[in-house]
Every structure is written in C-alpha cells, then in structure tokens.
Amino acid sequence: MLWSIIVGGFIGFLAGKITNKGGAMGIIAKVVAGLIGSSIGQAIFGTWGPSLAGMSLIPSVLGAVIVVAVVSFFFGKKG
C-alpha cells in the first residue's frame, strides 16, 4: 500500500512536469493524479513496459498526463 502511494506520487510528479501544470498541485493531488492516472492509463493503453508496485509505468504516466490535463482544464485558474 505504501509503495503504491510512493509510486503514484512519482507518476503524478512526472505528469505534472510533462504538462507544466504540476506547480499548483500539492503532494496529495499528485498522488491522487498518479493513482487515478495509473488506472486510466492501464485501462486505455494496456500493461506493457516496466512495472513497479503493480503499475506499468509508461501507460500509467500517459494516463496521469491525461488526468492532470483534464483536471487543469476544468479547475485551472481563469484569467
């Protein structure tokens, strides 16, 4: 469980860096984005590539990028 949270945080951190939207995200938001993104990414792209803590890293990062982009689109700062 703890290992999944750590890996989820790492995936969320990478997704934030890739999208340039991670500066406004806190640690908990990055972990949540990483865990949800991992589930979505593996559902869409499959479970290929290196795996860590039961998460395929490449599809998980792709899914987290999608999650961060969608969330920042709807809840990003206006103006």
PDB file of N, CA and C in Angstrom:
ATOM      1  N   MET A   1       0.830  -1.192   0.000  1.00  0.00           N
ATOM      2  CA  MET A   1       0.000   0.000   0.000  1.00  0.00           C
ATOM      3  C   MET A   1       0.874   1.254   0.000  1.00  0.00           C
ATOM      4  N   LEU A   2       1.825   1.316   0.902  1.00  0.00           N
ATOM      5  CA  LEU A   2       2.705   2.481   0.972  1.00  0.00           C
ATOM      6  C   LEU A   2       3.527   2.612  -0.308  1.00  0.00           C
ATOM      7  N   TRP A   3       3.995   1.486  -0.815  1.00  0.00           N
ATOM      8  CA  TRP A   3       4.783   1.502  -2.052  1.00  0.00           C
ATOM      9  C   TRP A   3       3.947   2.022  -3.217  1.00  0.00           C
ATOM     10  N   SER A   4       2.683   1.660  -3.286  1.00  0.00           N
ATOM     11  CA  SER A   4       1.794   2.151  -4.340  1.00  0.00           C
ATOM     12  C   SER A   4       1.595   3.655  -4.233  1.00  0.00           C
ATOM     13  N   ILE A   5       1.493   4.165  -3.015  1.00  0.00           N
ATOM     14  CA  ILE A   5       1.328   5.606  -2.823  1.00  0.00           C
ATOM     15  C   ILE A   5       2.583   6.350  -3.270  1.00  0.00           C
ATOM     16  N   ILE A   6       3.747   5.805  -2.948  1.00  0.00           N
ATOM     17  CA  ILE A   6       5.006   6.435  -3.348  1.00  0.00           C
ATOM     18  C   ILE A   6       5.141   6.443  -4.870  1.00  0.00           C
ATOM     19  N   VAL A   7       4.862   5.315  -5.501  1.00  0.00           N
ATOM     20  CA  VAL A   7       4.949   5.231  -6.959  1.00  0.00           C
ATOM     21  C   VAL A   7       3.885   6.127  -7.602  1.00  0.00           C
ATOM     22  N   GLY A   8       2.689   6.171  -7.032  1.00  0.00           N
ATOM     23  CA  GLY A   8       1.637   7.062  -7.529  1.00  0.00           C
ATOM     24  C   GLY A   8       2.049   8.519  -7.455  1.00  0.00           C
ATOM     25  N   GLY A   9       2.717   8.903  -6.373  1.00  0.00           N
ATOM     26  CA  GLY A   9       3.220  10.263  -6.248  1.00  0.00           C
ATOM     27  C   GLY A   9       4.277  10.573  -7.293  1.00  0.00           C
ATOM     28  N   PHE A  10       5.149   9.611  -7.550  1.00  0.00           N
ATOM     29  CA  PHE A  10       6.174   9.791  -8.579  1.00  0.00           C
ATOM     30  C   PHE A  10       5.542   9.945  -9.962  1.00  0.00           C
ATOM     31  N   ILE A  11       4.546   9.123 -10.250  1.00  0.00           N
ATOM     32  CA  ILE A  11       3.848   9.205 -11.537  1.00  0.00           C
ATOM     33  C   ILE A  11       3.127  10.552 -11.660  1.00  0.00           C
ATOM     34  N   GLY A  12       2.472  10.992 -10.597  1.00  0.00           N
ATOM     35  CA  GLY A  12       1.810  12.297 -10.609  1.00  0.00           C
ATOM     36  C   GLY A  12       2.797  13.441 -10.778  1.00  0.00           C
ATOM     37  N   PHE A  13       3.971  13.319 -10.142  1.00  0.00           N
ATOM     38  CA  PHE A  13       5.022  14.333 -10.293  1.00  0.00           C
ATOM     39  C   PHE A  13       5.483  14.413 -11.741  1.00  0.00           C
ATOM     40  N   LEU A  14       5.724  13.257 -12.360  1.00  0.00           N
ATOM     41  CA  LEU A  14       6.136  13.238 -13.768  1.00  0.00           C
ATOM     42  C   LEU A  14       5.061  13.837 -14.671  1.00  0.00           C
ATOM     43  N   ALA A  15       3.822  13.488 -14.417  1.00  0.00           N
ATOM     44  CA  ALA A  15       2.723  14.024 -15.235  1.00  0.00           C
ATOM     45  C   ALA A  15       2.632  15.536 -15.089  1.00  0.00           C
ATOM     46  N   GLY A  16       2.832  16.048 -13.890  1.00  0.00           N
ATOM     47  CA  GLY A  16       2.817  17.488 -13.680  1.00  0.00           C
ATOM     48  C   GLY A  16       3.949  18.185 -14.417  1.00  0.00           C
ATOM     49  N   LYS A  17       5.129  17.564 -14.430  1.00  0.00           N
ATOM     50  CA  LYS A  17       6.267  18.141 -15.148  1.00  0.00           C
ATOM     51  C   LYS A  17       6.033  18.108 -16.660  1.00  0.00           C
ATOM     52  N   ILE A  18       5.470  17.029 -17.158  1.00  0.00           N
ATOM     53  CA  ILE A  18       5.227  16.897 -18.597  1.00  0.00           C
ATOM     54  C   ILE A  18       4.214  17.933 -19.074  1.00  0.00           C
ATOM     55  N   THR A  19       3.172  18.162 -18.288  1.00  0.00           N
ATOM     56  CA  THR A  19       2.115  19.094 -18.696  1.00  0.00           C
ATOM     57  C   THR A  19       2.375  20.531 -18.257  1.00  0.00           C
ATOM     58  N   ASN A  20       3.412  20.759 -17.474  1.00  0.00           N
ATOM     59  CA  ASN A  20       3.714  22.078 -16.899  1.00  0.00           C
ATOM     60  C   ASN A  20       2.576  22.594 -16.027  1.00  0.00           C
ATOM     61  N   LYS A  21       1.789  21.702 -15.456  1.00  0.00           N
ATOM     62  CA  LYS A  21       0.674  22.090 -14.585  1.00  0.00           C
ATOM     63  C   LYS A  21       0.910  21.644 -13.150  1.00  0.00           C
ATOM     64  N   GLY A  22       2.051  21.043 -12.883  1.00  0.00           N
ATOM     65  CA  GLY A  22       2.297  20.461 -11.571  1.00  0.00           C
ATOM     66  C   GLY A  22       2.652  21.447 -10.486  1.00  0.00           C
ATOM     67  N   GLY A  23       2.970  22.693 -10.846  1.00  0.00           N
ATOM     68  CA  GLY A  23       3.364  23.674  -9.847  1.00  0.00           C
ATOM     69  C   GLY A  23       2.264  23.997  -8.858  1.00  0.00           C
ATOM     70  N   ALA A  24       1.025  23.988  -9.304  1.00  0.00           N
ATOM     71  CA  ALA A  24      -0.096  24.321  -8.436  1.00  0.00           C
ATOM     72  C   ALA A  24      -0.626  23.110  -7.671  1.00  0.00           C
ATOM     73  N   MET A  25      -0.109  21.934  -7.989  1.00  0.00           N
ATOM     74  CA  MET A  25      -0.591  20.710  -7.348  1.00  0.00           C
ATOM     75  C   MET A  25       0.194  20.426  -6.077  1.00  0.00           C
ATOM     76  N   GLY A  26      -0.505  20.054  -5.026  1.00  0.00           N
ATOM     77  CA  GLY A  26       0.154  19.633  -3.798  1.00  0.00           C
ATOM     78  C   GLY A  26       0.540  18.167  -3.861  1.00  0.00           C
ATOM     79  N   ILE A  27       1.151  17.693  -2.813  1.00  0.00           N
ATOM     80  CA  ILE A  27       1.614  16.304  -2.770  1.00  0.00           C
ATOM     81  C   ILE A  27       0.439  15.338  -2.872  1.00  0.00           C
ATOM     82  N   ILE A  28      -0.620  15.608  -2.146  1.00  0.00           N
ATOM     83  CA  ILE A  28      -1.775  14.703  -2.158  1.00  0.00           C
ATOM     84  C   ILE A  28      -2.412  14.686  -3.542  1.00  0.00           C
ATOM     85  N   ALA A  29      -2.510  15.846  -4.181  1.00  0.00           N
ATOM     86  CA  ALA A  29      -3.085  15.908  -5.531  1.00  0.00           C
ATOM     87  C   ALA A  29      -2.223  15.127  -6.524  1.00  0.00           C
ATOM     88  N   LYS A  30      -0.906  15.168  -6.362  1.00  0.00           N
ATOM     89  CA  LYS A  30      -0.027  14.420  -7.253  1.00  0.00           C
ATOM     90  C   LYS A  30      -0.187  12.919  -7.050  1.00  0.00           C
ATOM     91  N   VAL A  31      -0.317  12.496  -5.801  1.00  0.00           N
ATOM     92  CA  VAL A  31      -0.520  11.071  -5.520  1.00  0.00           C
ATOM     93  C   VAL A  31      -1.844  10.599  -6.105  1.00  0.00           C
ATOM     94  N   VAL A  32      -2.896  11.389  -5.900  1.00  0.00           N
ATOM     95  CA  VAL A  32      -4.220  11.026  -6.421  1.00  0.00           C
ATOM     96  C   VAL A  32      -4.198  10.993  -7.948  1.00  0.00           C
ATOM     97  N   ALA A  33      -3.574  12.001  -8.568  1.00  0.00           N
ATOM     98  CA  ALA A  33      -3.477  12.017 -10.032  1.00  0.00           C
ATOM     99  C   ALA A  33      -2.686  10.821 -10.529  1.00  0.00           C
ATOM    100  N   GLY A  34      -1.639  10.457  -9.820  1.00  0.00           N
ATOM    101  CA  GLY A  34      -0.841   9.294 -10.220  1.00  0.00           C
ATOM    102  C   GLY A  34      -1.608   7.990 -10.100  1.00  0.00           C
ATOM    103  N   LEU A  35      -2.336   7.818  -9.018  1.00  0.00           N
ATOM    104  CA  LEU A  35      -3.085   6.570  -8.818  1.00  0.00           C
ATOM    105  C   LEU A  35      -4.264   6.465  -9.784  1.00  0.00           C
ATOM    106  N   ILE A  36      -5.010   7.537  -9.947  1.00  0.00           N
ATOM    107  CA  ILE A  36      -6.138   7.515 -10.885  1.00  0.00           C
ATOM    108  C   ILE A  36      -5.618   7.409 -12.315  1.00  0.00           C
ATOM    109  N   GLY A  37      -4.564   8.164 -12.620  1.00  0.00           N
ATOM    110  CA  GLY A  37      -3.964   8.106 -13.946  1.00  0.00           C
ATOM    111  C   GLY A  37      -3.422   6.734 -14.277  1.00  0.00           C
ATOM    112  N   SER A  38      -2.896   6.045 -13.280  1.00  0.00           N
ATOM    113  CA  SER A  38      -2.406   4.695 -13.488  1.00  0.00           C
ATOM    114  C   SER A  38      -3.535   3.755 -13.894  1.00  0.00           C
ATOM    115  N   SER A  39      -4.641   3.857 -13.205  1.00  0.00           N
ATOM    116  CA  SER A  39      -5.793   3.014 -13.542  1.00  0.00           C
ATOM    117  C   SER A  39      -6.321   3.323 -14.939  1.00  0.00           C
ATOM    118  N   ILE A  40      -6.460   4.613 -15.239  1.00  0.00           N
ATOM    119  CA  ILE A  40      -6.971   5.013 -16.551  1.00  0.00           C
ATOM    120  C   ILE A  40      -5.984   4.634 -17.657  1.00  0.00           C
ATOM    121  N   GLY A  41      -4.715   4.903 -17.429  1.00  0.00           N
ATOM    122  CA  GLY A  41      -3.698   4.598 -18.439  1.00  0.00           C
ATOM    123  C   GLY A  41      -3.610   3.120 -18.758  1.00  0.00           C
ATOM    124  N   GLN A  42      -3.673   2.280 -17.724  1.00  0.00           N
ATOM    125  CA  GLN A  42      -3.614   0.841 -17.958  1.00  0.00           C
ATOM    126  C   GLN A  42      -4.883   0.333 -18.617  1.00  0.00           C
ATOM    127  N   ALA A  43      -6.017   0.966 -18.344  1.00  0.00           N
ATOM    128  CA  ALA A  43      -7.267   0.567 -18.991  1.00  0.00           C
ATOM    129  C   ALA A  43      -7.246   0.936 -20.475  1.00  0.00           C
ATOM    130  N   ILE A  44      -6.673   2.097 -20.800  1.00  0.00           N
ATOM    131  CA  ILE A  44      -6.658   2.554 -22.189  1.00  0.00           C
ATOM    132  C   ILE A  44      -5.518   1.934 -22.980  1.00  0.00           C
ATOM    133  N   PHE A  45      -4.311   1.979 -22.413  1.00  0.00           N
ATOM    134  CA  PHE A  45      -3.108   1.594 -23.155  1.00  0.00           C
ATOM    135  C   PHE A  45      -2.593   0.191 -22.852  1.00  0.00           C
ATOM    136  N   GLY A  46      -3.138  -0.485 -21.868  1.00  0.00           N
ATOM    137  CA  GLY A  46      -2.697  -1.831 -21.536  1.00  0.00           C
ATOM    138  C   GLY A  46      -1.613  -1.825 -20.468  1.00  0.00           C
ATOM    139  N   THR A  47      -0.989  -2.968 -20.270  1.00  0.00           N
ATOM    140  CA  THR A  47       0.001  -3.121 -19.196  1.00  0.00           C
ATOM    141  C   THR A  47       1.357  -3.518 -19.753  1.00  0.00           C
ATOM    142  N   TRP A  48       1.877  -2.740 -20.655  1.00  0.00           N
ATOM    143  CA  TRP A  48       3.177  -3.029 -21.249  1.00  0.00           C
ATOM    144  C   TRP A  48       4.236  -2.125 -20.621  1.00  0.00           C
ATOM    145  N   GLY A  49       5.472  -2.455 -20.837  1.00  0.00           N
ATOM    146  CA  GLY A  49       6.575  -1.656 -20.319  1.00  0.00           C
ATOM    147  C   GLY A  49       6.963  -2.074 -18.915  1.00  0.00           C
ATOM    148  N   PRO A  50       7.917  -1.352 -18.346  1.00  0.00           N
ATOM    149  CA  PRO A  50       8.368  -1.701 -16.995  1.00  0.00           C
ATOM    150  C   PRO A  50       7.261  -1.505 -15.968  1.00  0.00           C
ATOM    151  N   SER A  51       7.294  -2.337 -14.943  1.00  0.00           N
ATOM    152  CA  SER A  51       6.253  -2.312 -13.920  1.00  0.00           C
ATOM    153  C   SER A  51       6.883  -2.091 -12.551  1.00  0.00           C
ATOM    154  N   LEU A  52       6.207  -1.324 -11.719  1.00  0.00           N
ATOM    155  CA  LEU A  52       6.670  -1.055 -10.365  1.00  0.00           C
ATOM    156  C   LEU A  52       5.439  -0.939  -9.476  1.00  0.00           C
ATOM    157  N   ALA A  53       5.429  -1.695  -8.394  1.00  0.00           N
ATOM    158  CA  ALA A  53       4.308  -1.712  -7.442  1.00  0.00           C
ATOM    159  C   ALA A  53       2.997  -2.076  -8.126  1.00  0.00           C
ATOM    160  N   GLY A  54       3.047  -2.946  -9.121  1.00  0.00           N
ATOM    161  CA  GLY A  54       1.847  -3.379  -9.813  1.00  0.00           C
ATOM    162  C   GLY A  54       1.333  -2.394 -10.844  1.00  0.00           C
ATOM    163  N   MET A  55       2.092  -1.341 -11.115  1.00  0.00           N
ATOM    164  CA  MET A  55       1.688  -0.336 -12.097  1.00  0.00           C
ATOM    165  C   MET A  55       2.672  -0.342 -13.255  1.00  0.00           C
ATOM    166  N   SER A  56       2.158  -0.487 -14.459  1.00  0.00           N
ATOM    167  CA  SER A  56       3.006  -0.362 -15.644  1.00  0.00           C
ATOM    168  C   SER A  56       3.318   1.112 -15.828  1.00  0.00           C
ATOM    169  N   LEU A  57       4.587   1.462 -15.799  1.00  0.00           N
ATOM    170  CA  LEU A  57       4.978   2.862 -15.684  1.00  0.00           C
ATOM    171  C   LEU A  57       4.598   3.727 -16.883  1.00  0.00           C
ATOM    172  N   ILE A  58       4.856   3.269 -18.088  1.00  0.00           N
ATOM    173  CA  ILE A  58       4.604   4.111 -19.269  1.00  0.00           C
ATOM    174  C   ILE A  58       3.105   4.375 -19.456  1.00  0.00           C
ATOM    175  N   PRO A  59       2.250   3.339 -19.468  1.00  0.00           N
ATOM    176  CA  PRO A  59       0.809   3.640 -19.565  1.00  0.00           C
ATOM    177  C   PRO A  59       0.286   4.447 -18.375  1.00  0.00           C
ATOM    178  N   SER A  60       0.866   4.239 -17.195  1.00  0.00           N
ATOM    179  CA  SER A  60       0.437   4.981 -16.014  1.00  0.00           C
ATOM    180  C   SER A  60       0.763   6.461 -16.139  1.00  0.00           C
ATOM    181  N   VAL A  61       1.957   6.777 -16.622  1.00  0.00           N
ATOM    182  CA  VAL A  61       2.329   8.185 -16.810  1.00  0.00           C
ATOM    183  C   VAL A  61       1.449   8.824 -17.879  1.00  0.00           C
ATOM    184  N   LEU A  62       1.182   8.100 -18.966  1.00  0.00           N
ATOM    185  CA  LEU A  62       0.303   8.633 -20.012  1.00  0.00           C
ATOM    186  C   LEU A  62      -1.096   8.912 -19.461  1.00  0.00           C
ATOM    187  N   GLY A  63      -1.613   7.995 -18.663  1.00  0.00           N
ATOM    188  CA  GLY A  63      -2.921   8.192 -18.052  1.00  0.00           C
ATOM    189  C   GLY A  63      -2.931   9.358 -17.081  1.00  0.00           C
ATOM    190  N   ALA A  64      -1.853   9.512 -16.312  1.00  0.00           N
ATOM    191  CA  ALA A  64      -1.769  10.617 -15.364  1.00  0.00           C
ATOM    192  C   ALA A  64      -1.670  11.957 -16.092  1.00  0.00           C
ATOM    193  N   VAL A  65      -0.988  11.978 -17.236  1.00  0.00           N
ATOM    194  CA  VAL A  65      -0.925  13.206 -18.044  1.00  0.00           C
ATOM    195  C   VAL A  65      -2.329  13.586 -18.498  1.00  0.00           C
ATOM    196  N   ILE A  66      -3.114  12.608 -18.903  1.00  0.00           N
ATOM    197  CA  ILE A  66      -4.497  12.868 -19.311  1.00  0.00           C
ATOM    198  C   ILE A  66      -5.304  13.420 -18.131  1.00  0.00           C
ATOM    199  N   VAL A  67      -5.161  12.795 -16.962  1.00  0.00           N
ATOM    200  CA  VAL A  67      -5.900  13.234 -15.776  1.00  0.00           C
ATOM    201  C   VAL A  67      -5.515  14.664 -15.401  1.00  0.00           C
ATOM    202  N   VAL A  68      -4.225  14.962 -15.366  1.00  0.00           N
ATOM    203  CA  VAL A  68      -3.771  16.304 -14.998  1.00  0.00           C
ATOM    204  C   VAL A  68      -4.260  17.333 -16.013  1.00  0.00           C
ATOM    205  N   ALA A  69      -4.207  17.002 -17.289  1.00  0.00           N
ATOM    206  CA  ALA A  69      -4.649  17.944 -18.328  1.00  0.00           C
ATOM    207  C   ALA A  69      -6.149  18.216 -18.221  1.00  0.00           C
ATOM    208  N   VAL A  70      -6.935  17.179 -18.013  1.00  0.00           N
ATOM    209  CA  VAL A  70      -8.390  17.349 -17.917  1.00  0.00           C
ATOM    210  C   VAL A  70      -8.755  18.137 -16.658  1.00  0.00           C
ATOM    211  N   VAL A  71      -8.154  17.789 -15.525  1.00  0.00           N
ATOM    212  CA  VAL A  71      -8.461  18.477 -14.280  1.00  0.00           C
ATOM    213  C   VAL A  71      -8.037  19.947 -14.358  1.00  0.00           C
ATOM    214  N   SER A  72      -6.866  20.215 -14.921  1.00  0.00           N
ATOM    215  CA  SER A  72      -6.420  21.611 -15.019  1.00  0.00           C
ATOM    216  C   SER A  72      -7.269  22.401 -16.007  1.00  0.00           C
ATOM    217  N   PHE A  73      -7.820  21.727 -17.015  1.00  0.00           N
ATOM    218  CA  PHE A  73      -8.716  22.400 -17.942  1.00  0.00           C
ATOM    219  C   PHE A  73      -9.986  22.867 -17.249  1.00  0.00           C
ATOM    220  N   PHE A  74     -10.565  21.989 -16.429  1.00  0.00           N
ATOM    221  CA  PHE A  74     -11.820  22.314 -15.772  1.00  0.00           C
ATOM    222  C   PHE A  74     -11.655  23.150 -14.510  1.00  0.00           C
ATOM    223  N   PHE A  75     -10.564  22.945 -13.766  1.00  0.00           N
ATOM    224  CA  PHE A  75     -10.398  23.618 -12.483  1.00  0.00           C
ATOM    225  C   PHE A  75      -9.220  24.584 -12.463  1.00  0.00           C
ATOM    226  N   GLY A  76      -8.595  24.817 -13.605  1.00  0.00           N
ATOM    227  CA  GLY A  76      -7.459  25.742 -13.676  1.00  0.00           C
ATOM    228  C   GLY A  76      -7.900  27.172 -13.421  1.00  0.00           C
ATOM    229  N   LYS A  77      -6.926  27.985 -13.105  1.00  0.00           N
ATOM    230  CA  LYS A  77      -7.219  29.398 -12.842  1.00  0.00           C
ATOM    231  C   LYS A  77      -7.628  30.099 -14.116  1.00  0.00           C
ATOM    232  N   LYS A  78      -8.687  30.851 -14.034  1.00  0.00           N
ATOM    233  CA  LYS A  78      -9.168  31.625 -15.177  1.00  0.00           C
ATOM    234  C   LYS A  78      -8.608  33.045 -15.065  1.00  0.00           C
ATOM    235  N   GLY A  79      -8.173  33.577 -16.194  1.00  0.00           N
ATOM    236  CA  GLY A  79      -7.754  34.955 -16.186  1.00  0.00           C
ATOM    237  C   GLY A  79      -6.328  35.097 -16.066  1.00  0.00           C
TER     238      GLY A  79
END
